[in-house]
Structures are given as structure tokens and as C-alpha cells.
Amino acid sequence: MEMIYLLQEVLEIRWPILLFELIFLFGGIMLVVTGTKVRKQSKSTALMSIILGVIIILISLYLLLWAVMFGYNA
């Protein structure tokens, strides 16, 4: 039960930064999906989109973890 209260407190305090990072995560996912769909039309654009999407996803996941575990000032 304490874990639920802790998670709820973390979300209440840090929701603006978490929302901002989730938007970037969603954007990275959209880049990867778009890259796979355009693969037949332009291979270089698809590759660039997929690579950029994966980089954005990895950075967003790292920042989300950092924000949840340590907060704003860490």
C-alpha cells in the first residue's frame, strides 16, 4: 500500500515535467512508426527518422526515470 501512496505523491508533485517528457516519448515513437511506413518511398529519410526516433525515445526514457527517482533538482 505504501508504494501506491508514494507513486501517487510522485505523480502529484512532478506531473508537469513528466507530461513534457511523455510528449517527447510519444514524438519519438511517432518518428519510428513514420520511418517504417515511408521505408519503401525513401530509404534515407526512413533511416534518419528511425534513428532520430530511437534516440529521442532513449533520452526520454532516461529523463523520465531520472525525474521519477530523483526529482527536479537532482
PDB file of N, CA and C in Angstrom:
ATOM      1  N   MET A   1       0.802  -1.195   0.000  1.00  0.00           N
ATOM      2  CA  MET A   1       0.000   0.000   0.000  1.00  0.00           C
ATOM      3  C   MET A   1       0.850   1.268   0.000  1.00  0.00           C
ATOM      4  N   GLU A   2       1.981   1.220   0.691  1.00  0.00           N
ATOM      5  CA  GLU A   2       2.825   2.407   0.757  1.00  0.00           C
ATOM      6  C   GLU A   2       3.383   2.771  -0.615  1.00  0.00           C
ATOM      7  N   MET A   3       3.618   1.777  -1.451  1.00  0.00           N
ATOM      8  CA  MET A   3       4.147   2.030  -2.782  1.00  0.00           C
ATOM      9  C   MET A   3       3.153   2.810  -3.627  1.00  0.00           C
ATOM     10  N   ILE A   4       1.863   2.513  -3.455  1.00  0.00           N
ATOM     11  CA  ILE A   4       0.833   3.221  -4.199  1.00  0.00           C
ATOM     12  C   ILE A   4       0.793   4.678  -3.779  1.00  0.00           C
ATOM     13  N   TYR A   5       0.865   4.937  -2.470  1.00  0.00           N
ATOM     14  CA  TYR A   5       0.858   6.313  -1.987  1.00  0.00           C
ATOM     15  C   TYR A   5       2.102   7.072  -2.432  1.00  0.00           C
ATOM     16  N   LEU A   6       3.240   6.391  -2.451  1.00  0.00           N
ATOM     17  CA  LEU A   6       4.478   7.010  -2.898  1.00  0.00           C
ATOM     18  C   LEU A   6       4.400   7.377  -4.378  1.00  0.00           C
ATOM     19  N   LEU A   7       3.882   6.466  -5.191  1.00  0.00           N
ATOM     20  CA  LEU A   7       3.721   6.732  -6.617  1.00  0.00           C
ATOM     21  C   LEU A   7       2.733   7.871  -6.851  1.00  0.00           C
ATOM     22  N   GLN A   8       1.650   7.900  -6.098  1.00  0.00           N
ATOM     23  CA  GLN A   8       0.665   8.969  -6.226  1.00  0.00           C
ATOM     24  C   GLN A   8       1.284  10.309  -5.851  1.00  0.00           C
ATOM     25  N   GLU A   9       2.084  10.351  -4.813  1.00  0.00           N
ATOM     26  CA  GLU A   9       2.744  11.587  -4.392  1.00  0.00           C
ATOM     27  C   GLU A   9       3.743  12.069  -5.438  1.00  0.00           C
ATOM     28  N   VAL A  10       4.483  11.133  -6.021  1.00  0.00           N
ATOM     29  CA  VAL A  10       5.446  11.482  -7.063  1.00  0.00           C
ATOM     30  C   VAL A  10       4.731  12.089  -8.267  1.00  0.00           C
ATOM     31  N   LEU A  11       3.605  11.486  -8.659  1.00  0.00           N
ATOM     32  CA  LEU A  11       2.862  11.992  -9.807  1.00  0.00           C
ATOM     33  C   LEU A  11       2.231  13.351  -9.521  1.00  0.00           C
ATOM     34  N   GLU A  12       1.746  13.572  -8.303  1.00  0.00           N
ATOM     35  CA  GLU A  12       1.141  14.853  -7.968  1.00  0.00           C
ATOM     36  C   GLU A  12       2.161  15.982  -7.981  1.00  0.00           C
ATOM     37  N   ILE A  13       3.349  15.706  -7.505  1.00  0.00           N
ATOM     38  CA  ILE A  13       4.367  16.749  -7.400  1.00  0.00           C
ATOM     39  C   ILE A  13       5.027  17.028  -8.740  1.00  0.00           C
ATOM     40  N   ARG A  14       5.306  15.994  -9.502  1.00  0.00           N
ATOM     41  CA  ARG A  14       6.142  16.141 -10.704  1.00  0.00           C
ATOM     42  C   ARG A  14       5.381  16.000 -12.013  1.00  0.00           C
ATOM     43  N   TRP A  15       4.065  16.134 -12.024  1.00  0.00           N
ATOM     44  CA  TRP A  15       3.308  15.869 -13.246  1.00  0.00           C
ATOM     45  C   TRP A  15       3.649  16.787 -14.402  1.00  0.00           C
ATOM     46  N   PRO A  16       4.022  18.074 -14.213  1.00  0.00           N
ATOM     47  CA  PRO A  16       4.324  18.899 -15.397  1.00  0.00           C
ATOM     48  C   PRO A  16       5.540  18.401 -16.173  1.00  0.00           C
ATOM     49  N   ILE A  17       6.606  18.060 -15.467  1.00  0.00           N
ATOM     50  CA  ILE A  17       7.814  17.601 -16.159  1.00  0.00           C
ATOM     51  C   ILE A  17       7.590  16.210 -16.746  1.00  0.00           C
ATOM     52  N   LEU A  18       6.817  15.386 -16.067  1.00  0.00           N
ATOM     53  CA  LEU A  18       6.526  14.053 -16.598  1.00  0.00           C
ATOM     54  C   LEU A  18       5.682  14.148 -17.864  1.00  0.00           C
ATOM     55  N   LEU A  19       4.719  15.069 -17.882  1.00  0.00           N
ATOM     56  CA  LEU A  19       3.895  15.256 -19.071  1.00  0.00           C
ATOM     57  C   LEU A  19       4.739  15.743 -20.241  1.00  0.00           C
ATOM     58  N   PHE A  20       5.637  16.683 -19.988  1.00  0.00           N
ATOM     59  CA  PHE A  20       6.533  17.207 -21.019  1.00  0.00           C
ATOM     60  C   PHE A  20       7.395  16.085 -21.600  1.00  0.00           C
ATOM     61  N   GLU A  21       7.920  15.239 -20.747  1.00  0.00           N
ATOM     62  CA  GLU A  21       8.765  14.140 -21.210  1.00  0.00           C
ATOM     63  C   GLU A  21       7.954  13.061 -21.921  1.00  0.00           C
ATOM     64  N   LEU A  22       6.721  12.838 -21.497  1.00  0.00           N
ATOM     65  CA  LEU A  22       5.872  11.871 -22.188  1.00  0.00           C
ATOM     66  C   LEU A  22       5.515  12.346 -23.591  1.00  0.00           C
ATOM     67  N   ILE A  23       5.386  13.654 -23.780  1.00  0.00           N
ATOM     68  CA  ILE A  23       5.130  14.194 -25.118  1.00  0.00           C
ATOM     69  C   ILE A  23       6.321  13.902 -26.031  1.00  0.00           C
ATOM     70  N   PHE A  24       7.533  14.080 -25.527  1.00  0.00           N
ATOM     71  CA  PHE A  24       8.716  13.755 -26.320  1.00  0.00           C
ATOM     72  C   PHE A  24       8.801  12.257 -26.602  1.00  0.00           C
ATOM     73  N   LEU A  25       8.438  11.436 -25.625  1.00  0.00           N
ATOM     74  CA  LEU A  25       8.433   9.988 -25.833  1.00  0.00           C
ATOM     75  C   LEU A  25       7.448   9.614 -26.934  1.00  0.00           C
ATOM     76  N   PHE A  26       6.267  10.199 -26.911  1.00  0.00           N
ATOM     77  CA  PHE A  26       5.272   9.936 -27.937  1.00  0.00           C
ATOM     78  C   PHE A  26       5.774  10.399 -29.311  1.00  0.00           C
ATOM     79  N   GLY A  27       6.452  11.552 -29.346  1.00  0.00           N
ATOM     80  CA  GLY A  27       7.026  12.040 -30.604  1.00  0.00           C
ATOM     81  C   GLY A  27       8.078  11.093 -31.160  1.00  0.00           C
ATOM     82  N   GLY A  28       8.903  10.528 -30.298  1.00  0.00           N
ATOM     83  CA  GLY A  28       9.902   9.556 -30.743  1.00  0.00           C
ATOM     84  C   GLY A  28       9.268   8.300 -31.299  1.00  0.00           C
ATOM     85  N   ILE A  29       8.213   7.840 -30.644  1.00  0.00           N
ATOM     86  CA  ILE A  29       7.500   6.669 -31.142  1.00  0.00           C
ATOM     87  C   ILE A  29       6.884   6.961 -32.505  1.00  0.00           C
ATOM     88  N   MET A  30       6.330   8.158 -32.663  1.00  0.00           N
ATOM     89  CA  MET A  30       5.737   8.529 -33.948  1.00  0.00           C
ATOM     90  C   MET A  30       6.795   8.604 -35.054  1.00  0.00           C
ATOM     91  N   LEU A  31       7.992   9.071 -34.725  1.00  0.00           N
ATOM     92  CA  LEU A  31       9.069   9.104 -35.719  1.00  0.00           C
ATOM     93  C   LEU A  31       9.445   7.702 -36.183  1.00  0.00           C
ATOM     94  N   VAL A  32       9.518   6.764 -35.250  1.00  0.00           N
ATOM     95  CA  VAL A  32       9.866   5.391 -35.616  1.00  0.00           C
ATOM     96  C   VAL A  32       8.766   4.783 -36.487  1.00  0.00           C
ATOM     97  N   VAL A  33       7.513   4.992 -36.107  1.00  0.00           N
ATOM     98  CA  VAL A  33       6.398   4.456 -36.889  1.00  0.00           C
ATOM     99  C   VAL A  33       6.376   5.073 -38.283  1.00  0.00           C
ATOM    100  N   THR A  34       6.570   6.386 -38.362  1.00  0.00           N
ATOM    101  CA  THR A  34       6.601   7.063 -39.660  1.00  0.00           C
ATOM    102  C   THR A  34       7.761   6.558 -40.509  1.00  0.00           C
ATOM    103  N   GLY A  35       8.912   6.338 -39.883  1.00  0.00           N
ATOM    104  CA  GLY A  35      10.069   5.831 -40.610  1.00  0.00           C
ATOM    105  C   GLY A  35       9.831   4.463 -41.213  1.00  0.00           C
ATOM    106  N   THR A  36       9.121   3.619 -40.480  1.00  0.00           N
ATOM    107  CA  THR A  36       8.852   2.293 -41.032  1.00  0.00           C
ATOM    108  C   THR A  36       7.823   2.350 -42.153  1.00  0.00           C
ATOM    109  N   LYS A  37       6.916   3.311 -42.088  1.00  0.00           N
ATOM    110  CA  LYS A  37       5.897   3.416 -43.143  1.00  0.00           C
ATOM    111  C   LYS A  37       6.444   4.043 -44.424  1.00  0.00           C
ATOM    112  N   VAL A  38       7.454   4.916 -44.316  1.00  0.00           N
ATOM    113  CA  VAL A  38       7.997   5.585 -45.508  1.00  0.00           C
ATOM    114  C   VAL A  38       9.180   4.829 -46.087  1.00  0.00           C
ATOM    115  N   ARG A  39       9.483   3.686 -45.539  1.00  0.00           N
ATOM    116  CA  ARG A  39      10.674   2.928 -45.931  1.00  0.00           C
ATOM    117  C   ARG A  39      10.706   2.614 -47.418  1.00  0.00           C
ATOM    118  N   LYS A  40       9.577   2.323 -48.018  1.00  0.00           N
ATOM    119  CA  LYS A  40       9.555   1.959 -49.442  1.00  0.00           C
ATOM    120  C   LYS A  40       9.769   3.171 -50.343  1.00  0.00           C
ATOM    121  N   GLN A  41       9.346   4.346 -49.894  1.00  0.00           N
ATOM    122  CA  GLN A  41       9.445   5.543 -50.737  1.00  0.00           C
ATOM    123  C   GLN A  41      10.841   6.154 -50.699  1.00  0.00           C
ATOM    124  N   SER A  42      11.402   6.292 -49.497  1.00  0.00           N
ATOM    125  CA  SER A  42      12.718   6.913 -49.376  1.00  0.00           C
ATOM    126  C   SER A  42      13.484   6.248 -48.233  1.00  0.00           C
ATOM    127  N   LYS A  43      14.484   5.477 -48.605  1.00  0.00           N
ATOM    128  CA  LYS A  43      15.227   4.729 -47.596  1.00  0.00           C
ATOM    129  C   LYS A  43      16.047   5.630 -46.682  1.00  0.00           C
ATOM    130  N   SER A  44      16.627   6.701 -47.228  1.00  0.00           N
ATOM    131  CA  SER A  44      17.444   7.576 -46.388  1.00  0.00           C
ATOM    132  C   SER A  44      16.587   8.349 -45.382  1.00  0.00           C
ATOM    133  N   THR A  45      15.422   8.821 -45.826  1.00  0.00           N
ATOM    134  CA  THR A  45      14.522   9.534 -44.916  1.00  0.00           C
ATOM    135  C   THR A  45      14.005   8.593 -43.836  1.00  0.00           C
ATOM    136  N   ALA A  46      13.677   7.367 -44.217  1.00  0.00           N
ATOM    137  CA  ALA A  46      13.187   6.387 -43.255  1.00  0.00           C
ATOM    138  C   ALA A  46      14.261   6.066 -42.221  1.00  0.00           C
ATOM    139  N   LEU A  47      15.490   5.861 -42.674  1.00  0.00           N
ATOM    140  CA  LEU A  47      16.583   5.553 -41.759  1.00  0.00           C
ATOM    141  C   LEU A  47      16.839   6.703 -40.799  1.00  0.00           C
ATOM    142  N   MET A  48      16.839   7.924 -41.314  1.00  0.00           N
ATOM    143  CA  MET A  48      17.060   9.101 -40.475  1.00  0.00           C
ATOM    144  C   MET A  48      15.941   9.240 -39.438  1.00  0.00           C
ATOM    145  N   SER A  49      14.702   9.017 -39.864  1.00  0.00           N
ATOM    146  CA  SER A  49      13.559   9.130 -38.969  1.00  0.00           C
ATOM    147  C   SER A  49      13.616   8.071 -37.869  1.00  0.00           C
ATOM    148  N   ILE A  50      13.964   6.857 -38.232  1.00  0.00           N
ATOM    149  CA  ILE A  50      14.037   5.773 -37.249  1.00  0.00           C
ATOM    150  C   ILE A  50      15.162   6.027 -36.251  1.00  0.00           C
ATOM    151  N   ILE A  51      16.315   6.437 -36.725  1.00  0.00           N
ATOM    152  CA  ILE A  51      17.453   6.696 -35.828  1.00  0.00           C
ATOM    153  C   ILE A  51      17.135   7.840 -34.877  1.00  0.00           C
ATOM    154  N   LEU A  52      16.585   8.920 -35.407  1.00  0.00           N
ATOM    155  CA  LEU A  52      16.223  10.063 -34.565  1.00  0.00           C
ATOM    156  C   LEU A  52      15.147   9.676 -33.557  1.00  0.00           C
ATOM    157  N   GLY A  53      14.172   8.886 -33.995  1.00  0.00           N
ATOM    158  CA  GLY A  53      13.120   8.428 -33.094  1.00  0.00           C
ATOM    159  C   GLY A  53      13.652   7.583 -31.961  1.00  0.00           C
ATOM    160  N   VAL A  54      14.555   6.661 -32.266  1.00  0.00           N
ATOM    161  CA  VAL A  54      15.137   5.802 -31.227  1.00  0.00           C
ATOM    162  C   VAL A  54      15.953   6.630 -30.244  1.00  0.00           C
ATOM    163  N   ILE A  55      16.700   7.595 -30.739  1.00  0.00           N
ATOM    164  CA  ILE A  55      17.487   8.465 -29.845  1.00  0.00           C
ATOM    165  C   ILE A  55      16.566   9.251 -28.920  1.00  0.00           C
ATOM    166  N   ILE A  56      15.494   9.821 -29.467  1.00  0.00           N
ATOM    167  CA  ILE A  56      14.553  10.590 -28.648  1.00  0.00           C
ATOM    168  C   ILE A  56      13.872   9.686 -27.618  1.00  0.00           C
ATOM    169  N   ILE A  57      13.516   8.471 -28.016  1.00  0.00           N
ATOM    170  CA  ILE A  57      12.886   7.535 -27.085  1.00  0.00           C
ATOM    171  C   ILE A  57      13.828   7.193 -25.937  1.00  0.00           C
ATOM    172  N   LEU A  58      15.071   6.889 -26.244  1.00  0.00           N
ATOM    173  CA  LEU A  58      16.028   6.520 -25.193  1.00  0.00           C
ATOM    174  C   LEU A  58      16.289   7.681 -24.240  1.00  0.00           C
ATOM    175  N   ILE A  59      16.447   8.876 -24.773  1.00  0.00           N
ATOM    176  CA  ILE A  59      16.672  10.048 -23.917  1.00  0.00           C
ATOM    177  C   ILE A  59      15.444  10.323 -23.063  1.00  0.00           C
ATOM    178  N   SER A  60      14.258  10.208 -23.652  1.00  0.00           N
ATOM    179  CA  SER A  60      13.029  10.457 -22.892  1.00  0.00           C
ATOM    180  C   SER A  60      12.850   9.444 -21.765  1.00  0.00           C
ATOM    181  N   LEU A  61      13.125   8.184 -22.044  1.00  0.00           N
ATOM    182  CA  LEU A  61      13.010   7.166 -21.001  1.00  0.00           C
ATOM    183  C   LEU A  61      13.998   7.415 -19.872  1.00  0.00           C
ATOM    184  N   TYR A  62      15.209   7.809 -20.216  1.00  0.00           N
ATOM    185  CA  TYR A  62      16.212   8.108 -19.201  1.00  0.00           C
ATOM    186  C   TYR A  62      15.778   9.298 -18.343  1.00  0.00           C
ATOM    187  N   LEU A  63      15.280  10.356 -18.998  1.00  0.00           N
ATOM    188  CA  LEU A  63      14.846  11.529 -18.252  1.00  0.00           C
ATOM    189  C   LEU A  63      13.611  11.246 -17.406  1.00  0.00           C
ATOM    190  N   LEU A  64      12.706  10.409 -17.910  1.00  0.00           N
ATOM    191  CA  LEU A  64      11.538  10.018 -17.111  1.00  0.00           C
ATOM    192  C   LEU A  64      11.966   9.261 -15.855  1.00  0.00           C
ATOM    193  N   LEU A  65      12.873   8.341 -16.020  1.00  0.00           N
ATOM    194  CA  LEU A  65      13.377   7.593 -14.870  1.00  0.00           C
ATOM    195  C   LEU A  65      14.062   8.525 -13.879  1.00  0.00           C
ATOM    196  N   TRP A  66      14.870   9.426 -14.381  1.00  0.00           N
ATOM    197  CA  TRP A  66      15.586  10.372 -13.529  1.00  0.00           C
ATOM    198  C   TRP A  66      14.602  11.273 -12.783  1.00  0.00           C
ATOM    199  N   ALA A  67      13.555  11.754 -13.457  1.00  0.00           N
ATOM    200  CA  ALA A  67      12.576  12.635 -12.827  1.00  0.00           C
ATOM    201  C   ALA A  67      11.762  11.903 -11.767  1.00  0.00           C
ATOM    202  N   VAL A  68      11.411  10.656 -12.023  1.00  0.00           N
ATOM    203  CA  VAL A  68      10.622   9.910 -11.043  1.00  0.00           C
ATOM    204  C   VAL A  68      11.473   9.549  -9.833  1.00  0.00           C
ATOM    205  N   MET A  69      12.707   9.149 -10.069  1.00  0.00           N
ATOM    206  CA  MET A  69      13.547   8.689  -8.963  1.00  0.00           C
ATOM    207  C   MET A  69      14.125   9.831  -8.131  1.00  0.00           C
ATOM    208  N   PHE A  70      14.582  10.887  -8.786  1.00  0.00           N
ATOM    209  CA  PHE A  70      15.336  11.903  -8.065  1.00  0.00           C
ATOM    210  C   PHE A  70      14.695  13.279  -8.059  1.00  0.00           C
ATOM    211  N   GLY A  71      13.750  13.540  -8.911  1.00  0.00           N
ATOM    212  CA  GLY A  71      13.060  14.819  -8.890  1.00  0.00           C
ATOM    213  C   GLY A  71      13.711  15.861  -9.764  1.00  0.00           C
ATOM    214  N   TYR A  72      13.267  17.101  -9.578  1.00  0.00           N
ATOM    215  CA  TYR A  72      13.703  18.220 -10.413  1.00  0.00           C
ATOM    216  C   TYR A  72      15.155  18.605 -10.192  1.00  0.00           C
ATOM    217  N   ASN A  73      15.562  18.719  -8.958  1.00  0.00           N
ATOM    218  CA  ASN A  73      16.841  19.356  -8.633  1.00  0.00           C
ATOM    219  C   ASN A  73      18.031  18.427  -8.644  1.00  0.00           C
ATOM    220  N   ALA A  74      17.817  17.164  -8.862  1.00  0.00           N
ATOM    221  CA  ALA A  74      18.942  16.234  -8.796  1.00  0.00           C
ATOM    222  C   ALA A  74      19.799  16.305 -10.045  1.00  0.00           C
TER     223      ALA A  74
END
